[in-house]
Amino acid sequence: MELARHFYVQSTEDHMFLRADGEGGVGYTALIVNATPFTHAEAAKDAVEDHCGGLRLVFSCYQLETKK
């Protein structure tokens, strides 16, 4: 196992987190455990601009991942 940096996007208005909808789109969830993390800061920033109108908070954390 190793630590990997992930980025989460959260609304500053309704506090919802971005998540992948399984069909190539973006949805929202109230719980961070259901949110989809981004592996690159630039991708999270792009998601804010593309899906959130720039009104979101991006924060990072480290999570354990199993090596493939």
N, C-alpha and C. Protein backbone atom coordinates (compact mmCIF):
# COMPACT_ATOMS: atom_id res chain seq x y z
N MET A 1 0.84 -1.17 0.00
CA MET A 1 0.00 0.00 0.00
C MET A 1 0.89 1.24 0.00
N GLU A 2 0.38 2.29 -0.59
CA GLU A 2 1.11 3.55 -0.62
C GLU A 2 0.14 4.71 -0.50
N LEU A 3 0.68 5.84 -0.09
CA LEU A 3 -0.13 7.06 0.01
C LEU A 3 -0.19 7.74 -1.35
N ALA A 4 -1.38 8.18 -1.71
CA ALA A 4 -1.58 8.92 -2.96
C ALA A 4 -2.38 10.17 -2.66
N ARG A 5 -2.00 11.27 -3.31
CA ARG A 5 -2.70 12.53 -3.10
C ARG A 5 -3.96 12.57 -3.95
N HIS A 6 -5.06 13.00 -3.35
CA HIS A 6 -6.34 13.13 -4.03
C HIS A 6 -6.90 14.51 -3.77
N PHE A 7 -7.74 14.96 -4.69
CA PHE A 7 -8.36 16.28 -4.60
C PHE A 7 -9.87 16.13 -4.65
N TYR A 8 -10.56 16.78 -3.73
CA TYR A 8 -12.02 16.76 -3.68
C TYR A 8 -12.54 18.15 -3.96
N VAL A 9 -13.71 18.21 -4.59
CA VAL A 9 -14.35 19.48 -4.91
C VAL A 9 -15.66 19.55 -4.13
N GLN A 10 -15.85 20.64 -3.37
CA GLN A 10 -17.04 20.82 -2.56
C GLN A 10 -17.65 22.19 -2.84
N SER A 11 -18.97 22.23 -2.89
CA SER A 11 -19.70 23.47 -3.11
C SER A 11 -19.58 24.38 -1.90
N THR A 12 -19.43 25.67 -2.14
CA THR A 12 -19.44 26.63 -1.04
C THR A 12 -20.85 27.12 -0.75
N GLU A 13 -21.81 26.75 -1.61
CA GLU A 13 -23.20 27.16 -1.40
C GLU A 13 -24.01 26.11 -0.66
N ASP A 14 -24.02 24.88 -1.18
CA ASP A 14 -24.84 23.83 -0.57
C ASP A 14 -24.02 22.71 0.08
N HIS A 15 -22.68 22.83 0.04
CA HIS A 15 -21.74 21.90 0.68
C HIS A 15 -21.74 20.50 0.06
N MET A 16 -22.25 20.36 -1.16
CA MET A 16 -22.26 19.07 -1.85
C MET A 16 -20.89 18.83 -2.49
N PHE A 17 -20.53 17.54 -2.61
CA PHE A 17 -19.28 17.14 -3.23
C PHE A 17 -19.55 16.64 -4.65
N LEU A 18 -18.57 16.83 -5.54
CA LEU A 18 -18.69 16.28 -6.89
C LEU A 18 -18.44 14.78 -6.87
N ARG A 19 -19.13 14.08 -7.76
CA ARG A 19 -18.90 12.64 -7.92
C ARG A 19 -19.14 12.28 -9.38
N ALA A 20 -18.50 11.23 -9.83
CA ALA A 20 -18.76 10.72 -11.18
C ALA A 20 -20.12 10.05 -11.16
N ASP A 21 -20.89 10.24 -12.24
CA ASP A 21 -22.23 9.64 -12.28
C ASP A 21 -22.25 8.26 -12.93
N GLY A 22 -21.09 7.77 -13.36
CA GLY A 22 -21.03 6.44 -13.96
C GLY A 22 -21.30 6.41 -15.45
N GLU A 23 -21.69 7.55 -15.99
CA GLU A 23 -21.99 7.64 -17.42
C GLU A 23 -21.12 8.70 -18.10
N GLY A 24 -20.01 9.05 -17.47
CA GLY A 24 -19.12 10.05 -18.02
C GLY A 24 -19.44 11.47 -17.62
N GLY A 25 -20.44 11.64 -16.79
CA GLY A 25 -20.85 12.97 -16.33
C GLY A 25 -20.50 13.18 -14.87
N VAL A 26 -21.03 14.26 -14.34
CA VAL A 26 -20.77 14.64 -12.95
C VAL A 26 -22.09 14.78 -12.22
N GLY A 27 -22.12 14.29 -10.99
CA GLY A 27 -23.27 14.44 -10.12
C GLY A 27 -22.81 15.03 -8.79
N TYR A 28 -23.69 15.04 -7.83
CA TYR A 28 -23.38 15.64 -6.53
C TYR A 28 -23.81 14.68 -5.42
N THR A 29 -23.09 14.73 -4.31
CA THR A 29 -23.40 13.90 -3.16
C THR A 29 -23.13 14.70 -1.88
N ALA A 30 -23.90 14.43 -0.84
CA ALA A 30 -23.73 15.14 0.43
C ALA A 30 -22.57 14.58 1.26
N LEU A 31 -22.17 13.35 0.99
CA LEU A 31 -21.15 12.69 1.80
C LEU A 31 -19.83 12.56 1.05
N ILE A 32 -18.74 12.91 1.71
CA ILE A 32 -17.44 12.81 1.06
C ILE A 32 -17.08 11.36 0.72
N VAL A 33 -17.58 10.40 1.49
CA VAL A 33 -17.28 9.00 1.19
C VAL A 33 -17.87 8.56 -0.15
N ASN A 34 -18.88 9.29 -0.64
CA ASN A 34 -19.48 8.98 -1.94
C ASN A 34 -18.93 9.87 -3.06
N ALA A 35 -18.06 10.81 -2.71
CA ALA A 35 -17.48 11.71 -3.70
C ALA A 35 -16.41 10.99 -4.49
N THR A 36 -16.16 11.46 -5.70
CA THR A 36 -15.11 10.91 -6.54
C THR A 36 -13.90 11.84 -6.47
N PRO A 37 -12.77 11.33 -5.96
CA PRO A 37 -11.59 12.19 -5.88
C PRO A 37 -10.92 12.35 -7.25
N PHE A 38 -10.28 13.47 -7.43
CA PHE A 38 -9.46 13.71 -8.62
C PHE A 38 -8.02 13.40 -8.25
N THR A 39 -7.26 12.87 -9.18
CA THR A 39 -5.87 12.52 -8.89
C THR A 39 -4.91 13.64 -9.24
N HIS A 40 -5.40 14.68 -9.92
CA HIS A 40 -4.56 15.81 -10.30
C HIS A 40 -5.28 17.11 -9.95
N ALA A 41 -4.54 18.07 -9.42
CA ALA A 41 -5.11 19.36 -9.04
C ALA A 41 -5.71 20.07 -10.25
N GLU A 42 -5.07 19.96 -11.39
CA GLU A 42 -5.56 20.63 -12.60
C GLU A 42 -6.92 20.07 -13.02
N ALA A 43 -7.12 18.77 -12.88
CA ALA A 43 -8.41 18.16 -13.22
C ALA A 43 -9.50 18.66 -12.28
N ALA A 44 -9.19 18.80 -11.00
CA ALA A 44 -10.16 19.33 -10.04
C ALA A 44 -10.50 20.77 -10.37
N LYS A 45 -9.49 21.55 -10.73
CA LYS A 45 -9.71 22.95 -11.11
C LYS A 45 -10.59 23.04 -12.35
N ASP A 46 -10.32 22.19 -13.33
CA ASP A 46 -11.14 22.17 -14.54
C ASP A 46 -12.58 21.79 -14.24
N ALA A 47 -12.78 20.85 -13.32
CA ALA A 47 -14.13 20.44 -12.94
C ALA A 47 -14.90 21.60 -12.31
N VAL A 48 -14.22 22.39 -11.50
CA VAL A 48 -14.85 23.56 -10.89
C VAL A 48 -15.33 24.50 -11.97
N GLU A 49 -14.46 24.77 -12.94
CA GLU A 49 -14.81 25.70 -14.02
C GLU A 49 -15.90 25.14 -14.93
N ASP A 50 -15.82 23.84 -15.23
CA ASP A 50 -16.76 23.23 -16.18
C ASP A 50 -18.13 22.92 -15.58
N HIS A 51 -18.17 22.55 -14.30
CA HIS A 51 -19.42 22.04 -13.72
C HIS A 51 -19.97 22.85 -12.57
N CYS A 52 -19.19 23.79 -12.06
CA CYS A 52 -19.60 24.44 -10.82
C CYS A 52 -19.63 25.95 -10.89
N GLY A 53 -19.35 26.53 -12.01
CA GLY A 53 -19.37 27.97 -12.11
C GLY A 53 -18.34 28.67 -11.23
N GLY A 54 -17.31 27.96 -10.82
CA GLY A 54 -16.24 28.56 -10.02
C GLY A 54 -16.58 28.76 -8.56
N LEU A 55 -17.71 28.26 -8.09
CA LEU A 55 -18.13 28.48 -6.69
C LEU A 55 -17.93 27.23 -5.86
N ARG A 56 -16.71 26.73 -5.83
CA ARG A 56 -16.41 25.51 -5.10
C ARG A 56 -15.07 25.62 -4.39
N LEU A 57 -14.87 24.73 -3.44
CA LEU A 57 -13.64 24.62 -2.69
C LEU A 57 -12.94 23.34 -3.14
N VAL A 58 -11.66 23.42 -3.44
CA VAL A 58 -10.87 22.24 -3.78
C VAL A 58 -9.90 22.00 -2.63
N PHE A 59 -9.90 20.80 -2.08
CA PHE A 59 -8.95 20.50 -1.03
C PHE A 59 -8.32 19.14 -1.29
N SER A 60 -7.15 18.95 -0.74
CA SER A 60 -6.44 17.69 -0.99
C SER A 60 -6.24 16.93 0.30
N CYS A 61 -6.06 15.64 0.14
CA CYS A 61 -5.73 14.76 1.25
C CYS A 61 -4.96 13.57 0.70
N TYR A 62 -4.36 12.83 1.57
CA TYR A 62 -3.63 11.63 1.17
C TYR A 62 -4.44 10.42 1.61
N GLN A 63 -4.54 9.44 0.70
CA GLN A 63 -5.29 8.23 0.99
C GLN A 63 -4.43 7.02 0.66
N LEU A 64 -4.66 5.94 1.39
CA LEU A 64 -3.95 4.70 1.10
C LEU A 64 -4.51 4.06 -0.15
N GLU A 65 -3.63 3.60 -1.02
CA GLU A 65 -4.03 2.88 -2.23
C GLU A 65 -3.23 1.60 -2.32
N THR A 66 -3.85 0.57 -2.82
CA THR A 66 -3.11 -0.66 -3.05
C THR A 66 -2.39 -0.56 -4.38
N LYS A 67 -1.20 -1.08 -4.43
CA LYS A 67 -0.43 -1.07 -5.68
C LYS A 67 -1.01 -2.09 -6.63
N LYS A 68 -0.99 -1.73 -7.90
CA LYS A 68 -1.50 -2.65 -8.93
C LYS A 68 -0.35 -3.31 -9.62
